[in-house]
């Protein structure tokens, strides 16, 4: 779409592609030397983001490598993430509070006998800002606090839901697995090592604001240089976190625009057929899922638009409801 624009528009990766498998929670973005092979039955979480002119869209999806419907606890953990995402879509709307969403998604996960994973934050997105000031906490506890916030019209959010069949308290096993970093723009330090200065200059030139992967740097120098940059807080690492072996983790993330006529989910991917072991009987969760995501327009505003615009609008309106009806089928 942007190949032939006359004005040079900055565009590219806003969050490096991550492939986190089974009990790995997030941020596993392997280097070229990694030899991990995916196997039948693996639960694979794919997470990525891109931007055009600094306007960011992110998405994450969970897929089990198998033919036929997903059953058992794997179906439970994915259904928990998806249903929580559907509820969040309906509660992230102007006038609602961030804490309402935190409580709701935990209730949904509990209905599937799963946990929302601690430490995952859903952020407001702004131009060239992937982690804005307004934040939705996944789990409220004494370690992690965020300011109360109210959603407003014309804001954009990355809704990030991670569920687990385990305790939902992920651990960092090995710092060497970390390959994603973001420049901490408010920090400065005079680096001692030549390799660090070389790498830091490359980062400032290519990735001054958004997260990047060490794959995009010259690998030998990067290993040495990144350590000193992280030790002096010039870079913020995105650690690879794990639940216990045997625990299953699912991840659903989408970008939502809070438009005057309702919530617009602009990134998503269809789920495999799921056959969870638990039905959703809770009346409050059913009431949340029954909420529409759009408000009806007054006075035939659509007629003024070109036909192409009409189709686009209709499809975005239908999509979240399709996802919900998919839920009903799963139950």
Protein backbone atom coordinates (compact mmCIF):
# COMPACT_ATOMS: atom_id res chain seq x y z
CA UNK A 1 0.00 0.00 0.00
CA UNK A 2 2.83 2.36 0.83
CA UNK A 3 5.28 1.35 -1.88
CA UNK A 4 4.73 4.30 -4.18
CA UNK A 5 3.97 7.17 -1.81
CA UNK A 6 5.85 10.29 -2.78
CA UNK A 7 6.47 11.42 0.79
CA UNK A 8 8.76 9.07 2.71
CA UNK A 9 6.69 7.55 5.50
CA UNK A 10 8.48 5.71 8.26
CA UNK A 11 7.16 2.17 8.60
CA UNK A 12 8.24 -1.24 9.77
CA UNK A 13 8.40 -3.54 12.78
CA UNK A 14 6.89 -2.17 15.98
CA UNK A 15 7.42 -5.38 17.96
CA UNK A 16 9.64 -8.27 16.79
CA UNK A 17 7.98 -11.59 15.99
CA UNK A 18 8.00 -13.96 18.98
CA UNK A 19 7.25 -17.69 18.90
CA UNK A 20 6.72 -18.89 22.49
CA UNK A 21 5.93 -22.59 22.87
CA UNK A 22 4.00 -24.53 25.59
CA UNK A 23 5.03 -23.29 29.07
CA UNK A 24 7.09 -20.38 27.66
CA UNK A 25 4.96 -17.32 28.38
CA UNK A 26 6.29 -14.63 26.05
CA UNK A 27 9.13 -12.77 24.24
CA UNK A 28 10.91 -15.82 22.80
CA UNK A 29 12.33 -14.39 19.58
CA UNK A 30 15.18 -16.75 18.67
CA UNK A 31 18.43 -15.79 16.96
CA UNK A 32 19.52 -17.43 13.68
CA UNK A 33 21.65 -19.93 15.64
CA UNK A 34 18.61 -21.36 17.52
CA UNK A 35 17.74 -24.92 16.50
CA UNK A 36 14.40 -25.42 18.29
CA UNK A 37 12.03 -27.61 16.26
CA UNK A 38 8.24 -27.40 16.65
CA UNK A 39 6.48 -30.70 17.34
CA UNK A 40 3.00 -32.17 17.03
CA UNK A 41 0.81 -31.03 19.95
CA UNK A 42 2.87 -27.91 20.77
CA UNK A 43 0.90 -24.85 21.82
CA UNK A 44 2.49 -22.01 19.86
CA UNK A 45 1.99 -18.34 20.73
CA UNK A 46 2.82 -15.90 17.92
CA UNK A 47 3.23 -12.23 18.89
CA UNK A 48 4.13 -9.33 16.57
CA UNK A 49 3.57 -5.67 15.78
CA UNK A 50 4.07 -3.22 12.92
CA UNK A 51 3.63 0.49 12.36
CA UNK A 52 3.04 3.01 9.59
CA UNK A 53 4.16 6.55 10.41
CA UNK A 54 4.49 5.51 14.07
CA UNK A 55 0.86 4.35 14.32
CA UNK A 56 1.14 0.88 15.82
CA UNK A 57 -0.92 -2.28 15.45
CA UNK A 58 -0.04 -5.36 17.54
CA UNK A 59 -1.47 -8.86 17.59
CA UNK A 60 -0.86 -12.21 19.30
CA UNK A 61 -2.51 -15.54 18.62
CA UNK A 62 -2.31 -19.10 19.96
CA UNK A 63 -2.33 -22.19 17.75
CA UNK A 64 -1.96 -25.88 18.60
CA UNK A 65 0.02 -27.89 16.04
CA UNK A 66 -2.52 -30.63 15.33
CA UNK A 67 -5.34 -31.59 12.99
CA UNK A 68 -8.93 -31.53 14.24
CA UNK A 69 -10.45 -29.77 17.25
CA UNK A 70 -8.39 -28.83 20.30
CA UNK A 71 -9.64 -30.60 23.44
CA UNK A 72 -8.88 -30.89 27.17
CA UNK A 73 -6.82 -28.36 29.10
CA UNK A 74 -5.27 -26.93 25.93
CA UNK A 75 -8.78 -25.98 24.77
CA UNK A 76 -9.56 -24.56 28.24
CA UNK A 77 -6.53 -22.28 28.36
CA UNK A 78 -7.08 -20.94 24.81
CA UNK A 79 -10.83 -20.48 25.39
CA UNK A 80 -10.03 -18.64 28.64
CA UNK A 81 -7.72 -16.21 26.81
CA UNK A 82 -10.15 -15.73 23.92
CA UNK A 83 -13.25 -15.24 26.10
CA UNK A 84 -11.31 -12.83 28.34
CA UNK A 85 -10.26 -10.92 25.22
CA UNK A 86 -13.88 -10.74 24.03
CA UNK A 87 -15.00 -9.44 27.45
CA UNK A 88 -12.14 -6.90 27.51
CA UNK A 89 -13.17 -5.67 24.03
CA UNK A 90 -16.62 -4.90 25.42
CA UNK A 91 -15.37 -3.23 28.62
CA UNK A 92 -12.63 -1.05 27.10
CA UNK A 93 -14.94 1.75 26.09
CA UNK A 94 -15.25 5.45 26.93
CA UNK A 95 -16.38 6.05 30.51
CA UNK A 96 -15.26 2.62 31.80
CA UNK A 97 -12.33 2.21 34.22
CA UNK A 98 -9.17 0.10 33.78
CA UNK A 99 -9.80 -1.78 37.06
CA UNK A 100 -13.19 -3.03 35.71
CA UNK A 101 -11.31 -4.88 32.97
CA UNK A 102 -8.72 -6.35 35.39
CA UNK A 103 -11.45 -7.87 37.59
CA UNK A 104 -13.48 -9.17 34.64
CA UNK A 105 -10.66 -11.02 32.85
CA UNK A 106 -9.66 -12.76 36.09
CA UNK A 107 -13.24 -13.92 36.57
CA UNK A 108 -13.33 -15.33 33.02
CA UNK A 109 -10.05 -17.23 33.50
CA UNK A 110 -11.31 -18.72 36.79
CA UNK A 111 -14.44 -19.99 35.00
CA UNK A 112 -12.13 -22.20 32.88
CA UNK A 113 -10.08 -23.17 35.96
CA UNK A 114 -7.14 -21.15 34.59
CA UNK A 115 -5.18 -18.14 35.81
CA UNK A 116 -4.43 -14.80 34.17
CA UNK A 117 -0.62 -14.53 34.08
CA UNK A 118 0.80 -11.85 36.37
CA UNK A 119 2.90 -8.97 35.10
CA UNK A 120 1.23 -8.66 31.68
CA UNK A 121 0.11 -5.09 30.99
CA UNK A 122 -2.27 -3.75 28.34
CA UNK A 123 -1.05 -0.30 27.27
CA UNK A 124 -2.51 2.70 25.54
CA UNK A 125 -0.83 3.18 22.13
CA UNK A 126 0.15 6.57 20.72
CA UNK A 127 2.19 7.64 17.71
CA UNK A 128 5.66 6.05 18.17
CA UNK A 129 4.69 5.05 21.76
CA UNK A 130 4.06 1.32 22.35
CA UNK A 131 3.66 1.63 26.14
CA UNK A 132 1.55 4.72 26.85
CA UNK A 133 0.70 6.03 30.32
CA UNK A 134 -2.76 4.51 30.62
CA UNK A 135 -2.39 0.85 31.57
CA UNK A 136 -4.70 -2.10 32.29
CA UNK A 137 -3.25 -4.49 34.85
CA UNK A 138 -3.81 -8.20 34.24
CA UNK A 139 -3.64 -9.17 37.93
CA UNK A 140 -3.74 -6.69 40.79
CA UNK A 141 -1.32 -7.56 43.59
CA UNK A 142 0.94 -5.78 46.08
CA UNK A 143 3.98 -5.92 43.71
CA UNK A 144 2.35 -4.28 40.70
CA UNK A 145 0.28 -1.13 40.99
CA UNK A 146 -0.99 1.14 38.22
CA UNK A 147 -2.88 4.42 38.37
CA UNK A 148 -6.64 4.29 38.03
CA UNK A 149 -7.62 5.47 34.55
CA UNK A 150 -10.78 6.04 32.57
CA UNK A 151 -11.01 5.19 28.87
CA UNK A 152 -11.77 8.06 26.51
CA UNK A 153 -12.96 8.43 22.93
CA UNK A 154 -10.31 8.34 20.17
CA UNK A 155 -7.79 6.41 22.28
CA UNK A 156 -6.05 3.23 21.04
CA UNK A 157 -5.18 0.26 23.26
CA UNK A 158 -3.22 -2.98 22.91
CA UNK A 159 -5.28 -5.49 24.92
CA UNK A 160 -2.91 -8.23 26.05
CA UNK A 161 -4.32 -11.41 27.65
CA UNK A 162 -2.14 -14.34 28.75
CA UNK A 163 -3.71 -17.34 30.52
CA UNK A 164 -2.13 -20.39 32.14
CA UNK A 165 -3.16 -23.77 33.51
CA UNK A 166 -0.45 -23.21 36.17
CA UNK A 167 -0.08 -20.60 38.90
CA UNK A 168 0.26 -17.63 36.56
CA UNK A 169 3.51 -16.53 38.21
CA UNK A 170 6.14 -16.79 35.48
CA UNK A 171 9.88 -16.95 36.16
CA UNK A 172 12.96 -15.81 34.27
CA UNK A 173 15.09 -18.95 33.75
CA UNK A 174 18.01 -17.63 31.71
CA UNK A 175 18.89 -14.06 30.80
CA UNK A 176 20.73 -15.36 27.72
CA UNK A 177 17.35 -16.11 26.12
CA UNK A 178 16.50 -12.39 26.05
CA UNK A 179 16.78 -11.02 22.51
CA UNK A 180 14.26 -8.12 22.52
CA UNK A 181 15.15 -4.69 23.87
CA UNK A 182 13.88 -1.13 23.76
CA UNK A 183 15.91 2.05 24.03
CA UNK A 184 15.29 3.80 27.38
CA UNK A 185 15.16 7.31 25.92
CA UNK A 186 15.46 9.10 29.28
CA UNK A 187 18.77 7.39 30.25
CA UNK A 188 22.34 8.34 29.30
CA UNK A 189 25.73 6.81 30.12
CA UNK A 190 29.21 6.97 28.55
CA UNK A 191 29.87 3.37 27.50
CA UNK A 192 33.39 2.03 28.11
CA UNK A 193 33.65 -0.83 25.58
CA UNK A 194 34.13 -0.20 21.87
CA UNK A 195 31.66 -3.00 20.97
CA UNK A 196 29.01 -1.41 23.22
CA UNK A 197 29.48 2.02 21.65
CA UNK A 198 29.25 0.52 18.15
CA UNK A 199 26.06 -1.39 18.94
CA UNK A 200 24.49 1.52 20.84
CA UNK A 201 25.12 3.86 17.93
CA UNK A 202 23.50 1.30 15.57
CA UNK A 203 20.47 1.05 17.90
CA UNK A 204 20.08 4.83 18.12
CA UNK A 205 20.22 5.05 14.35
CA UNK A 206 17.89 2.14 13.47
CA UNK A 207 15.67 1.63 16.55
CA UNK A 208 15.55 4.89 18.53
CA UNK A 209 12.06 4.37 19.98
CA UNK A 210 10.38 1.00 19.35
CA UNK A 211 11.43 -2.50 20.53
CA UNK A 212 13.86 -4.43 18.33
CA UNK A 213 15.50 -7.85 18.24
CA UNK A 214 19.20 -8.62 18.53
CA UNK A 215 18.74 -10.54 15.22
CA UNK A 216 18.74 -7.14 13.49
CA UNK A 217 22.22 -6.29 14.85
CA UNK A 218 25.65 -7.62 13.96
CA UNK A 219 25.49 -10.75 16.15
CA UNK A 220 29.02 -11.15 17.58
CA UNK A 221 29.36 -7.52 18.58
CA UNK A 222 25.77 -7.43 19.80
CA UNK A 223 26.31 -10.12 22.45
CA UNK A 224 29.12 -8.14 24.07
CA UNK A 225 27.67 -4.68 23.59
CA UNK A 226 24.12 -5.35 24.73
CA UNK A 227 25.24 -6.52 28.20
CA UNK A 228 26.91 -3.20 29.04
CA UNK A 229 23.96 -1.23 27.61
CA UNK A 230 21.47 -3.20 29.76
CA UNK A 231 23.66 -3.00 32.90
CA UNK A 232 23.59 0.80 32.68
CA UNK A 233 19.83 0.99 31.96
CA UNK A 234 20.27 2.33 28.42
CA UNK A 235 18.13 -0.55 27.14
CA UNK A 236 15.01 -2.08 28.63
CA UNK A 237 15.08 -5.89 28.12
CA UNK A 238 11.96 -7.95 27.42
CA UNK A 239 12.80 -11.15 29.32
CA UNK A 240 11.67 -14.61 28.20
CA UNK A 241 9.42 -15.88 31.02
CA UNK A 242 8.32 -19.44 31.77
CA UNK A 243 5.65 -21.24 33.75
CA UNK A 244 6.50 -24.68 35.21
CA UNK A 245 7.14 -27.53 32.71
CA UNK A 246 3.81 -29.18 31.90
CA UNK A 247 1.80 -25.97 32.36
CA UNK A 248 0.06 -24.69 29.24
CA UNK A 249 -0.01 -20.99 28.33
CA UNK A 250 -2.20 -19.16 25.78
CA UNK A 251 -1.85 -15.60 24.50
CA UNK A 252 -4.38 -13.39 22.69
CA UNK A 253 -3.52 -9.76 21.95
CA UNK A 254 -5.36 -7.26 19.77
CA UNK A 255 -5.44 -3.56 18.98
CA UNK A 256 -8.67 -1.65 19.62
CA UNK A 257 -9.67 1.86 18.55
CA UNK A 258 -12.19 3.62 20.81
CA UNK A 259 -14.23 5.28 18.08
CA UNK A 260 -17.23 7.59 18.62
CA UNK A 261 -19.54 4.79 17.40
CA UNK A 262 -18.00 2.02 19.55
CA UNK A 263 -14.94 -0.22 19.79
CA UNK A 264 -13.10 -1.24 16.62
CA UNK A 265 -10.91 -4.33 16.95
CA UNK A 266 -8.45 -3.93 14.08
CA UNK A 267 -6.20 -6.98 14.56
CA UNK A 268 -7.30 -10.59 15.12
CA UNK A 269 -7.02 -14.10 13.73
CA UNK A 270 -9.62 -16.93 13.64
CA UNK A 271 -9.23 -19.65 16.28
CA UNK A 272 -9.05 -23.38 15.71
CA UNK A 273 -12.13 -25.31 16.79
CA UNK A 274 -12.02 -25.60 20.59
CA UNK A 275 -13.82 -28.11 22.82
CA UNK A 276 -13.17 -26.84 26.36
CA UNK A 277 -14.00 -29.04 29.36
CA UNK A 278 -15.95 -26.20 31.07
CA UNK A 279 -19.05 -24.39 29.82
CA UNK A 280 -19.56 -20.70 30.67
CA UNK A 281 -22.56 -20.63 33.04
CA UNK A 282 -21.78 -17.45 34.96
CA UNK A 283 -24.57 -14.90 34.25
CA UNK A 284 -22.22 -11.91 34.63
CA UNK A 285 -19.77 -13.27 32.02
CA UNK A 286 -22.70 -14.06 29.68
CA UNK A 287 -24.00 -10.51 30.15
CA UNK A 288 -20.57 -9.05 29.26
CA UNK A 289 -20.34 -11.21 26.13
CA UNK A 290 -23.84 -10.12 25.09
CA UNK A 291 -22.82 -6.45 25.02
CA UNK A 292 -22.47 -5.00 21.53
CA UNK A 293 -19.21 -3.37 20.46
CA UNK A 294 -20.86 -0.72 18.28
CA UNK A 295 -23.49 1.91 18.93
CA UNK A 296 -26.10 2.42 16.20
CA UNK A 297 -25.54 5.46 14.02
CA UNK A 298 -28.28 8.04 13.73
CA UNK A 299 -29.81 9.15 10.45
CA UNK A 300 -28.33 6.97 7.71
CA UNK A 301 -24.79 8.34 7.81
CA UNK A 302 -23.56 5.37 5.79
CA UNK A 303 -25.30 6.45 2.57
CA UNK A 304 -22.90 9.35 2.15
CA UNK A 305 -19.89 7.05 2.02
CA UNK A 306 -18.41 5.34 -0.98
CA UNK A 307 -19.42 1.70 -1.40
CA UNK A 308 -15.95 0.44 -0.51
CA UNK A 309 -16.10 2.29 2.81
CA UNK A 310 -19.50 0.72 3.56
CA UNK A 311 -18.16 -2.79 3.17
CA UNK A 312 -15.18 -2.12 5.40
CA UNK A 313 -17.41 -0.70 8.10
CA UNK A 314 -19.85 -3.60 7.97
CA UNK A 315 -17.11 -6.19 8.23
CA UNK A 316 -15.52 -4.60 11.30
CA UNK A 317 -18.94 -4.40 12.91
CA UNK A 318 -19.65 -8.06 12.32
CA UNK A 319 -16.27 -9.44 13.30
CA UNK A 320 -16.37 -9.25 17.13
CA UNK A 321 -19.85 -10.79 17.14
CA UNK A 322 -18.58 -13.64 14.95
CA UNK A 323 -15.87 -14.26 17.50
CA UNK A 324 -18.45 -14.41 20.27
CA UNK A 325 -20.70 -16.76 18.38
CA UNK A 326 -17.59 -18.90 17.93
CA UNK A 327 -17.37 -18.92 21.71
CA UNK A 328 -20.92 -20.16 22.04
CA UNK A 329 -20.09 -23.00 19.69
CA UNK A 330 -17.11 -23.93 21.82
CA UNK A 331 -19.20 -24.13 24.94
